[in-house]
Protein backbone atom coordinates (compact mmCIF):
# COMPACT_ATOMS: atom_id res chain seq x y z
CA UNK A 1 -24.06 -11.32 -24.84
CA UNK A 2 -25.35 -13.83 -22.33
CA UNK A 3 -23.48 -15.61 -19.54
CA UNK A 4 -23.94 -17.04 -16.06
CA UNK A 5 -21.65 -16.26 -13.16
CA UNK A 6 -21.44 -17.69 -9.68
CA UNK A 7 -21.68 -15.11 -6.94
CA UNK A 8 -18.85 -16.59 -4.92
CA UNK A 9 -16.48 -16.38 -7.93
CA UNK A 10 -16.81 -12.63 -8.53
CA UNK A 11 -18.12 -10.93 -5.38
CA UNK A 12 -14.67 -10.48 -3.85
CA UNK A 13 -13.16 -8.83 -6.93
CA UNK A 14 -16.19 -6.59 -7.47
CA UNK A 15 -15.75 -5.37 -3.90
CA UNK A 16 -12.07 -4.64 -4.39
CA UNK A 17 -12.39 -2.67 -7.62
CA UNK A 18 -14.60 -0.09 -5.87
CA UNK A 19 -11.44 1.74 -4.82
CA UNK A 20 -10.69 2.33 -8.51
CA UNK A 21 -14.16 2.90 -9.93
CA UNK A 22 -15.25 5.06 -7.01
CA UNK A 23 -12.44 7.57 -7.51
CA UNK A 24 -13.24 10.82 -9.28
CA UNK A 25 -11.82 11.08 -12.77
CA UNK A 26 -12.27 13.16 -15.90
CA UNK A 27 -14.10 10.28 -17.63
CA UNK A 28 -17.51 9.07 -16.46
CA UNK A 29 -16.81 5.65 -18.03
CA UNK A 30 -14.26 4.92 -15.28
CA UNK A 31 -17.16 4.51 -12.84
CA UNK A 32 -17.90 1.35 -14.81
CA UNK A 33 -16.24 -2.02 -14.98
CA UNK A 34 -15.72 -3.53 -18.41
CA UNK A 35 -16.84 -7.15 -18.77
CA UNK A 36 -15.65 -9.17 -21.73
CA UNK A 37 -16.47 -12.83 -22.34
CA UNK A 38 -14.47 -15.70 -23.80
CA UNK A 39 -15.22 -19.42 -24.13
CA UNK A 40 -15.54 -20.28 -20.45
CA UNK A 41 -14.63 -17.13 -18.55
CA UNK A 42 -15.21 -13.43 -18.20
CA UNK A 43 -12.60 -10.72 -18.01
CA UNK A 44 -13.30 -7.86 -15.59
CA UNK A 45 -11.44 -4.58 -16.07
CA UNK A 46 -11.39 -1.39 -13.98
CA UNK A 47 -9.30 1.78 -13.98
CA UNK A 48 -8.99 5.22 -12.42
CA UNK A 49 -6.71 6.27 -15.33
CA UNK A 50 -3.62 5.85 -13.13
CA UNK A 51 -4.08 2.29 -11.91
CA UNK A 52 -5.64 -0.40 -14.06
CA UNK A 53 -6.88 -3.86 -13.13
CA UNK A 54 -7.78 -6.88 -15.22
CA UNK A 55 -8.80 -10.32 -13.97
CA UNK A 56 -10.23 -13.50 -15.45
CA UNK A 57 -12.97 -15.56 -13.73
CA UNK A 58 -14.98 -18.69 -14.56
CA UNK A 59 -18.36 -18.25 -16.25
CA UNK A 60 -20.82 -20.22 -18.35
CA UNK A 61 -20.83 -18.26 -21.62
CA UNK A 62 -23.70 -18.76 -24.06
CA UNK A 63 -23.20 -15.68 -26.26
CA UNK A 64 -19.96 -13.73 -26.31
CA UNK A 65 -19.78 -9.97 -26.09
CA UNK A 66 -18.57 -6.95 -24.13
CA UNK A 67 -20.43 -4.56 -21.81
CA UNK A 68 -19.63 -1.65 -19.46
CA UNK A 69 -21.68 -1.63 -16.25
CA UNK A 70 -21.73 0.75 -13.32
CA UNK A 71 -19.33 -0.97 -10.95
CA UNK A 72 -21.01 0.14 -7.72
CA UNK A 73 -24.51 -0.97 -8.75
CA UNK A 74 -23.30 -4.23 -10.26
CA UNK A 75 -21.42 -5.03 -7.05
CA UNK A 76 -24.47 -4.26 -4.90
CA UNK A 77 -26.71 -6.42 -7.08
CA UNK A 78 -24.30 -9.37 -6.87
CA UNK A 79 -23.66 -8.85 -3.15
CA UNK A 80 -27.33 -8.97 -2.19
CA UNK A 81 -28.47 -11.53 -4.76
CA UNK A 82 -30.32 -14.36 -2.97
CA UNK A 83 -28.75 -17.31 -4.85
CA UNK A 84 -25.34 -18.20 -6.22
CA UNK A 85 -26.13 -18.35 -9.96
CA UNK A 86 -26.70 -15.02 -11.70
CA UNK A 87 -27.52 -14.63 -15.40
CA UNK A 88 -26.32 -11.53 -17.25
CA UNK A 89 -28.02 -10.96 -20.58
CA UNK A 90 -27.55 -7.96 -22.88
CA UNK A 91 -30.95 -7.29 -24.48
CA UNK A 92 -30.61 -4.27 -26.78
CA UNK A 93 -29.25 -0.72 -26.91
CA UNK A 94 -26.90 -1.48 -24.00
CA UNK A 95 -29.75 -2.51 -21.71
CA UNK A 96 -28.64 -5.45 -19.57
CA UNK A 97 -30.80 -7.92 -17.71
CA UNK A 98 -29.32 -9.28 -14.48
CA UNK A 99 -31.02 -11.96 -12.41
CA UNK A 100 -32.85 -15.29 -12.61
CA UNK A 101 -36.48 -16.43 -12.82
CA UNK A 102 -37.31 -14.85 -9.45
CA UNK A 103 -35.22 -11.65 -9.34
CA UNK A 104 -34.75 -9.33 -12.31
CA UNK A 105 -32.80 -6.10 -12.73
CA UNK A 106 -32.73 -4.07 -15.93
CA UNK A 107 -29.80 -1.65 -15.96
CA UNK A 108 -28.34 0.44 -18.74
CA UNK A 109 -24.67 0.17 -19.57
CA UNK A 110 -22.30 2.56 -21.30
CA UNK A 111 -20.52 2.26 -24.62
CA UNK A 112 -17.65 -0.22 -24.06
CA UNK A 113 -15.70 1.45 -26.87
CA UNK A 114 -15.29 4.48 -24.59
CA UNK A 115 -13.50 2.45 -21.91
CA UNK A 116 -9.78 3.36 -21.72
CA UNK A 117 -7.43 0.79 -23.23
CA UNK A 118 -4.93 -0.91 -20.98
CA UNK A 119 -1.31 -0.29 -22.00
CA UNK A 120 0.43 -3.03 -23.94
CA UNK A 121 2.52 -5.01 -21.47
CA UNK A 122 3.34 -7.99 -23.67
CA UNK A 123 7.10 -7.31 -23.66
CA UNK A 124 7.43 -6.39 -20.01
CA UNK A 125 10.35 -7.88 -18.08
CA UNK A 126 9.17 -9.78 -15.01
CA UNK A 127 10.81 -10.75 -11.75
CA UNK A 128 9.45 -13.54 -9.53
CA UNK A 129 9.16 -12.69 -5.84
CA UNK A 130 7.67 -14.45 -2.85
CA UNK A 131 4.10 -13.14 -2.58
CA UNK A 132 4.12 -12.91 1.21
CA UNK A 133 7.39 -10.98 1.26
CA UNK A 134 6.27 -8.51 -1.41
CA UNK A 135 2.90 -7.90 0.24
CA UNK A 136 4.65 -7.18 3.53
CA UNK A 137 7.01 -4.77 1.76
CA UNK A 138 4.04 -2.80 0.45
CA UNK A 139 2.28 -2.77 3.82
CA UNK A 140 5.37 -1.54 5.65
CA UNK A 141 6.08 1.15 3.07
CA UNK A 142 2.47 2.33 3.14
CA UNK A 143 2.46 3.17 6.85
CA UNK A 144 3.58 6.57 5.54
CA UNK A 145 1.06 8.41 3.41
CA UNK A 146 1.29 11.91 2.01
CA UNK A 147 -1.10 14.80 2.51
CA UNK A 148 -3.92 14.60 -0.03
CA UNK A 149 -3.12 18.08 -1.33
CA UNK A 150 0.63 17.57 -1.58
CA UNK A 151 1.76 17.60 -5.22
CA UNK A 152 5.37 16.53 -4.67
CA UNK A 153 6.15 13.26 -6.43
CA UNK A 154 8.47 11.95 -3.71
CA UNK A 155 5.72 12.43 -1.09
CA UNK A 156 3.00 10.82 -3.21
CA UNK A 157 5.20 7.98 -4.42
CA UNK A 158 7.21 5.07 -3.05
CA UNK A 159 10.74 4.86 -4.33
CA UNK A 160 11.42 1.39 -5.72
CA UNK A 161 15.10 0.68 -6.29
CA UNK A 162 17.48 -2.09 -7.20
CA UNK A 163 20.80 -2.23 -5.34
CA UNK A 164 23.75 -4.50 -6.04
CA UNK A 165 26.55 -4.85 -3.54
CA UNK A 166 29.52 -7.16 -3.84
CA UNK A 167 27.88 -9.95 -1.85
CA UNK A 168 24.12 -9.36 -2.23
CA UNK A 169 21.31 -8.11 -4.44
CA UNK A 170 18.47 -6.06 -3.00
CA UNK A 171 15.23 -4.54 -4.16
CA UNK A 172 13.89 -1.93 -1.80
CA UNK A 173 10.99 0.42 -1.15
CA UNK A 174 11.52 3.80 0.47
CA UNK A 175 8.66 6.04 1.62
CA UNK A 176 8.61 9.49 3.24
CA UNK A 177 6.27 12.32 4.13
CA UNK A 178 9.02 14.78 5.03
CA UNK A 179 8.80 14.08 8.78
CA UNK A 180 9.71 10.39 8.70
CA UNK A 181 11.05 7.75 6.36
CA UNK A 182 10.62 4.00 6.06
CA UNK A 183 12.94 1.66 4.16
CA UNK A 184 12.06 -1.98 3.40
CA UNK A 185 14.44 -4.39 1.63
CA UNK A 186 14.14 -7.78 -0.03
CA UNK A 187 17.30 -9.79 -0.64
CA UNK A 188 17.44 -12.18 -3.56
CA UNK A 189 19.79 -14.17 -5.78
CA UNK A 190 18.17 -13.59 -9.19
CA UNK A 191 18.92 -11.09 -11.94
CA UNK A 192 16.60 -8.10 -12.15
CA UNK A 193 17.65 -4.75 -13.52
CA UNK A 194 15.72 -1.50 -13.42
CA UNK A 195 16.06 0.66 -16.53
CA UNK A 196 19.48 2.32 -16.64
CA UNK A 197 20.12 1.12 -13.12
CA UNK A 198 17.99 3.85 -11.49
CA UNK A 199 14.95 3.80 -9.23
CA UNK A 200 11.32 4.50 -10.04
CA UNK A 201 8.47 6.25 -8.22
CA UNK A 202 5.29 4.19 -7.79
CA UNK A 203 2.18 6.11 -6.62
CA UNK A 204 1.23 5.23 -3.06
CA UNK A 205 -2.47 5.19 -3.88
CA UNK A 206 -1.82 2.79 -6.76
CA UNK A 207 0.12 0.39 -4.53
CA UNK A 208 -2.55 0.71 -1.86
CA UNK A 209 -5.22 -0.35 -4.36
CA UNK A 210 -3.00 -3.13 -5.72
CA UNK A 211 -2.43 -4.49 -2.24
CA UNK A 212 -6.16 -5.18 -1.87
CA UNK A 213 -5.96 -7.78 -4.65
CA UNK A 214 -2.71 -9.46 -3.62
CA UNK A 215 -2.62 -12.80 -1.87
CA UNK A 216 0.13 -13.86 0.53
CA UNK A 217 0.28 -17.29 -1.09
CA UNK A 218 2.73 -18.51 -3.72
CA UNK A 219 4.73 -16.39 -6.13
CA UNK A 220 4.08 -12.93 -7.53
CA UNK A 221 5.46 -11.47 -10.75
CA UNK A 222 6.50 -7.82 -10.83
CA UNK A 223 7.59 -6.09 -14.00
CA UNK A 224 8.33 -2.86 -15.83
CA UNK A 225 7.24 -1.64 -19.22
CA UNK A 226 8.09 1.93 -20.18
CA UNK A 227 6.42 4.11 -17.52
CA UNK A 228 4.30 1.34 -15.95
CA UNK A 229 4.84 -0.92 -12.95
CA UNK A 230 3.06 -4.26 -13.30
CA UNK A 231 2.04 -6.84 -10.72
CA UNK A 232 0.73 -10.26 -11.77
CA UNK A 233 -0.64 -12.98 -9.55
CA UNK A 234 -2.66 -15.96 -10.71
CA UNK A 235 -5.31 -14.63 -13.12
CA UNK A 236 -5.14 -10.99 -12.02
CA UNK A 237 -2.93 -8.13 -13.23
CA UNK A 238 -2.49 -4.60 -11.84
CA UNK A 239 -0.87 -1.91 -14.00
CA UNK A 240 0.27 1.30 -12.28
CA UNK A 241 1.42 4.42 -14.11
CA UNK A 242 4.70 5.68 -12.64
CA UNK A 243 5.18 9.19 -11.27
CA UNK A 244 7.58 11.64 -12.86
CA UNK A 245 10.07 13.22 -10.50
CA UNK A 246 13.08 12.51 -8.33
CA UNK A 247 13.34 10.99 -4.89
CA UNK A 248 15.74 12.87 -2.59
CA UNK A 249 18.99 11.26 -1.49
CA UNK A 250 17.80 9.65 1.72
CA UNK A 251 21.01 7.89 2.73
CA UNK A 252 22.38 10.97 4.46
CA UNK A 253 19.76 10.88 7.22
CA UNK A 254 20.37 7.22 8.09
CA UNK A 255 23.10 7.85 10.66
CA UNK A 256 24.05 5.02 12.98
CA UNK A 257 27.71 5.68 13.74
CA UNK A 258 27.52 7.89 16.85
CA UNK A 259 24.11 6.76 18.03
CA UNK A 260 23.15 5.19 21.33
CA UNK A 261 21.56 1.80 20.61
CA UNK A 262 18.78 1.07 23.08
CA UNK A 263 17.20 -2.39 23.05
CA UNK A 264 13.52 -2.40 23.99
CA UNK A 265 10.74 -4.96 24.27
CA UNK A 266 8.45 -4.02 21.39
CA UNK A 267 5.06 -4.56 23.01
CA UNK A 268 5.94 -2.75 26.23
CA UNK A 269 7.30 0.23 24.32
CA UNK A 270 4.26 0.25 22.03
CA UNK A 271 1.76 0.28 24.91
CA UNK A 272 3.73 3.01 26.68
CA UNK A 273 3.48 5.19 23.59
CA UNK A 274 -0.23 4.45 23.18
CA UNK A 275 -0.88 5.51 26.77
CA UNK A 276 1.14 8.69 26.36
CA UNK A 277 -0.60 9.57 23.09
CA UNK A 278 -4.07 9.53 24.66
CA UNK A 279 -3.76 13.22 25.50
CA UNK A 280 -2.46 14.16 22.04
CA UNK A 281 -4.64 16.23 19.74
CA UNK A 282 -4.42 17.91 16.36
CA UNK A 283 -2.95 20.98 18.05
CA UNK A 284 -0.61 19.12 20.40
CA UNK A 285 0.76 16.08 18.60
CA UNK A 286 4.15 15.76 20.27
CA UNK A 287 5.37 14.13 23.47
CA UNK A 288 8.70 14.69 25.21
CA UNK A 289 11.21 11.83 25.37
CA UNK A 290 13.78 12.15 28.17
CA UNK A 291 16.68 9.73 27.89
CA UNK A 292 18.44 9.65 31.28
CA UNK A 293 20.77 7.35 33.16
CA UNK A 294 19.20 3.89 32.74
CA UNK A 295 15.75 5.40 32.23
CA UNK A 296 13.36 6.66 29.54
CA UNK A 297 10.72 9.13 30.70
CA UNK A 298 7.94 10.22 28.34
CA UNK A 299 5.87 13.31 29.16
CA UNK A 300 2.65 14.24 27.39
CA UNK A 301 1.34 17.78 27.96
CA UNK A 302 -1.81 19.20 26.40
CA UNK A 303 -3.01 22.54 27.87
CA UNK A 304 -6.55 21.79 26.63
CA UNK A 305 -6.79 18.36 28.30
CA UNK A 306 -4.08 17.66 30.87
CA UNK A 307 -0.75 15.89 31.22
CA UNK A 308 0.71 12.43 31.70
CA UNK A 309 4.09 10.84 32.45
CA UNK A 310 5.47 7.32 32.29
CA UNK A 311 8.91 5.84 33.00
CA UNK A 312 10.66 2.78 31.62
CA UNK A 313 13.97 1.25 32.66
CA UNK A 314 16.43 1.06 29.78
CA UNK A 315 20.12 0.43 29.24
CA UNK A 316 21.38 3.95 28.59
CA UNK A 317 24.52 5.56 29.94
CA UNK A 318 24.94 8.62 27.71
CA UNK A 319 24.33 12.27 28.44
CA UNK A 320 20.70 13.31 29.07
CA UNK A 321 18.71 13.94 25.90
CA UNK A 322 15.37 15.72 25.85
CA UNK A 323 13.60 15.58 22.50
CA UNK A 324 10.03 15.79 21.18
CA UNK A 325 8.54 13.25 18.77
CA UNK A 326 5.14 12.50 17.32
CA UNK A 327 4.20 9.24 19.10
CA UNK A 328 1.95 8.19 16.22
CA UNK A 329 5.04 7.70 14.03
CA UNK A 330 6.55 5.31 16.57
CA UNK A 331 3.24 3.46 16.97
CA UNK A 332 2.89 3.02 13.19
CA UNK A 333 6.41 1.61 13.01
CA UNK A 334 6.07 -0.74 15.97
CA UNK A 335 2.79 -2.10 14.63
CA UNK A 336 4.45 -3.46 11.47
CA UNK A 337 7.52 -4.92 13.19
CA UNK A 338 6.98 -8.62 13.80
CA UNK A 339 9.78 -9.41 16.26
CA UNK A 340 9.65 -9.04 20.03
CA UNK A 341 12.68 -6.76 20.30
CA UNK A 342 13.46 -3.42 18.67
CA UNK A 343 16.54 -1.21 18.63
CA UNK A 344 16.02 2.54 19.06
CA UNK A 345 19.02 4.61 17.98
CA UNK A 346 19.29 8.17 19.26
CA UNK A 347 22.17 10.65 18.78
CA UNK A 348 21.00 14.01 20.16
CA UNK A 349 18.10 16.46 20.23
CA UNK A 350 18.46 17.45 16.57
CA UNK A 351 19.24 14.22 14.72
CA UNK A 352 16.54 11.75 13.63
CA UNK A 353 15.73 8.67 15.67
CA UNK A 354 16.18 5.29 13.98
CA UNK A 355 14.08 2.23 14.78
CA UNK A 356 14.81 -1.28 13.54
CA UNK A 357 13.93 -4.81 14.48
CA UNK A 358 16.56 -6.69 16.41
CA UNK A 359 18.40 -9.18 14.15
CA UNK A 360 16.62 -7.93 11.03
CA UNK A 361 18.33 -5.40 8.78
CA UNK A 362 15.59 -5.42 6.13
CA UNK A 363 13.37 -2.80 7.79
CA UNK A 364 14.29 0.65 9.08
CA UNK A 365 12.20 3.60 10.24
CA UNK A 366 13.60 7.12 10.56
CA UNK A 367 11.67 9.69 12.61
CA UNK A 368 12.55 13.39 12.70
CA UNK A 369 12.33 15.27 16.02
CA UNK A 370 9.82 18.05 16.58
CA UNK A 371 10.58 21.50 17.88
CA UNK A 372 9.93 21.77 21.61
């Protein structure tokens, strides 16, 4: 095998696959990227056994072949190489020469036959979606992560569902960590059916890795094949193994009927929460929200540091409500809302608080109260 690559063609992808190849797995080969040549391009593959990536990039191929190289070292060599053109030449016994006439590396590869095969996705059913919209769906759903040691599928996964009402079709992502929930919808007018009309659980860490590769330009293709979720864009494909398990019925906690709807200016509310969270710590995460006549008062008390209070005028005429929330959950939500106005819906001290963007029903955040 012998081929020439241009640094600017592959550096970005080599950087992004580090999230896959740097993850611990039961197979040492997964620390490598697999490089396979064709007439005028190379194919780069990486996997952590749960999420797989394959992409095609231009190259000047003299001799075809296939090699497995340590992904971290190959990335560092390419990143710091002094010129754009880099020659990769397999010499013998999996020894690979990387460089040019001035700079030479000799690194040893691994047996490419040991690299895990990608699942066959030839007959997958694909759905075209606006790339910008889908990327934003992922980013909004991923504001909620699960604890690293939590084994529950519905905490580690994002629920992806297809909903058909009489007048609209929706695909949605729902994410929870048990203390809050986020729901993001995308409305469309095309046909796309999930198997047997049910939802699927996509690993959060897989979607997080996938999101690194996705561009906000053009159209993206998403598909399903058996127990895999597939994302295609341009010359790159991400294949994510689905989680096994059920997502709880979340609709029961989305209660709007008896709530007080409070319209707030997003940035002002966000900065208020940031100021009141300064005194929060791992031991004292909560702040007290007091909804009073035409006023919201937030108190932050931390016996180890001190206390703080801030007031904001609001349109509220209900009975006084005193309730504790984790301000970080509100801050995470407000940071992904793009509009200038938000609606905060509160019922009482025990029911969850709902946050949505004014005039946008495609995003909803549900935050559970804390015990005072």
